[in-house]
Protein backbone atom coordinates (compact mmCIF):
# COMPACT_ATOMS: atom_id res chain seq x y z
CA MET A 1 112.03 93.09 117.39
CA ARG A 2 111.93 91.05 120.57
CA LYS A 3 114.29 91.02 123.55
CA THR A 4 114.19 88.61 126.46
CA HIS A 5 116.04 89.10 129.73
CA LYS A 6 115.52 86.62 132.55
CA LYS A 7 111.78 86.88 133.33
CA TRP A 8 111.09 89.91 131.11
CA GLN A 9 110.09 89.94 127.46
CA LEU A 10 109.99 93.17 125.45
CA ALA A 11 108.64 93.39 121.91
CA TRP A 12 108.17 96.22 119.42
CA ASN A 13 106.82 96.24 115.90
CA GLY A 14 106.14 99.03 113.45
CA ASN A 15 104.62 99.19 110.00
CA PHE A 16 105.62 102.02 107.72
CA PRO A 17 103.07 103.73 105.46
CA MET A 18 102.41 101.97 102.18
CA THR A 19 100.06 102.04 99.22
CA LEU A 20 98.70 98.82 97.74
CA ALA A 21 97.26 98.69 94.23
CA GLU A 22 94.65 96.18 93.06
CA GLY A 23 93.63 97.17 89.56
CA ASP A 24 92.17 100.70 89.71
CA VAL A 25 91.64 100.60 93.50
CA PHE A 26 94.43 101.86 95.76
CA THR A 27 94.66 101.25 99.52
CA ARG A 28 96.78 103.63 101.57
CA LYS A 29 97.81 102.33 105.00
CA GLY A 30 99.32 104.73 107.52
CA PHE A 31 102.09 104.21 110.04
CA ASN A 32 101.23 102.07 113.07
CA MET A 33 103.21 100.49 115.86
CA GLY A 34 102.83 98.37 118.95
CA ALA A 35 104.95 97.63 121.99
CA THR A 36 104.59 94.98 124.68
CA ALA A 37 106.31 94.37 128.01
CA ILE A 38 105.63 91.05 129.76
CA TYR A 39 106.89 89.69 133.08
CA ARG A 40 106.60 85.93 133.50
CA LEU A 41 106.82 84.06 136.81
CA GLN A 42 106.42 80.29 136.57
CA SER A 43 103.03 79.72 134.92
CA VAL A 44 101.67 83.27 135.23
CA SER A 45 102.49 86.34 133.17
CA ALA A 46 101.39 89.96 133.38
CA GLY A 47 102.08 92.64 130.85
CA LEU A 48 101.28 95.94 129.27
CA GLU A 49 100.57 96.54 125.58
CA TYR A 50 100.54 99.87 123.72
CA VAL A 51 99.11 100.33 120.20
CA PHE A 52 99.54 103.54 118.21
CA ASN A 53 97.64 103.87 114.93
CA PRO A 54 97.07 107.57 114.16
CA ASP A 55 96.41 107.39 110.42
CA PRO A 56 93.32 105.72 109.02
CA THR A 57 93.34 103.24 106.16
CA ARG A 58 92.03 104.82 102.97
CA SER A 59 90.83 103.00 99.85
CA TYR A 60 90.25 105.06 96.73
CA ALA A 61 89.88 104.94 92.95
CA ASP A 62 89.57 107.73 90.39
CA THR A 63 88.95 106.72 86.81
CA ARG A 64 86.90 108.16 83.94
CA SER A 65 83.99 105.85 84.69
CA PHE A 66 83.84 106.09 88.49
CA SER A 67 85.28 107.70 91.60
CA TYR A 68 85.44 106.02 95.00
CA SER A 69 86.90 106.83 98.43
CA GLU A 70 86.52 105.14 101.82
CA GLU A 71 88.33 105.65 105.14
CA THR A 72 88.51 103.26 108.07
CA LYS A 73 89.16 105.10 111.31
CA TRP A 74 90.11 103.16 114.41
CA ASN A 75 89.93 105.98 116.94
CA ASN A 76 90.12 103.54 119.82
CA PHE A 77 93.54 102.39 118.50
CA ARG A 78 95.02 105.86 118.31
CA ASN A 79 96.61 105.42 121.76
CA LEU A 80 95.39 102.08 123.08
CA VAL A 81 96.83 100.76 126.34
CA ALA A 82 95.87 97.25 127.43
CA LEU A 83 96.77 95.17 130.47
CA LYS A 84 97.43 91.47 129.91
CA PHE A 85 97.25 88.65 132.41
CA THR A 86 97.83 85.04 131.35
CA CYS A 87 97.91 81.78 133.26
CA TYR A 88 99.60 78.87 131.47
CA PHE A 89 98.80 75.25 132.15
CA CYS A 90 99.65 72.01 130.41
CA LYS A 91 97.68 68.84 130.17
CA GLY A 92 99.01 66.10 128.01
CA ILE A 93 99.88 62.49 127.71
CA SER A 94 103.27 61.43 128.97
CA ASN A 95 104.59 58.87 126.54
CA ALA A 96 107.60 57.08 128.00
CA ASP A 97 107.48 54.54 125.16
CA ARG A 98 110.58 54.85 122.93
CA ASP A 99 108.83 53.12 120.02
CA SER A 100 108.72 55.37 116.95
CA GLY A 101 106.13 53.19 115.21
CA LEU A 102 108.61 52.23 112.50
CA THR A 103 110.38 48.95 111.91
CA GLU A 104 114.10 48.62 111.15
CA THR A 105 113.37 49.17 107.44
CA ASN A 106 111.51 52.45 108.20
CA THR A 107 108.11 51.08 107.27
CA ALA A 108 105.05 51.40 109.43
CA LYS A 109 104.20 48.45 111.66
């Protein structure tokens, strides 16, 4: 979800827990979310980002022939706060030519 008001931009996203299955291997992903607030003034923007990912990702399998379990813990993303600063600039070619490169029969010249 994203909202823009004048020079402010607010965004939020969340992913609900889910389990993915690939053959006998299951991957359990926990709830995570992120929120961003950005203020933009001309070609400069500054913002704050928050990431919340409390539950690790767990891959596991349990069959007659083998058993497997692995967890990925991102402790630094449990309550991550980041400051953002961006400077925008453009450099390009100004093409005032109105020629599309096509002839009247829409074939290339």
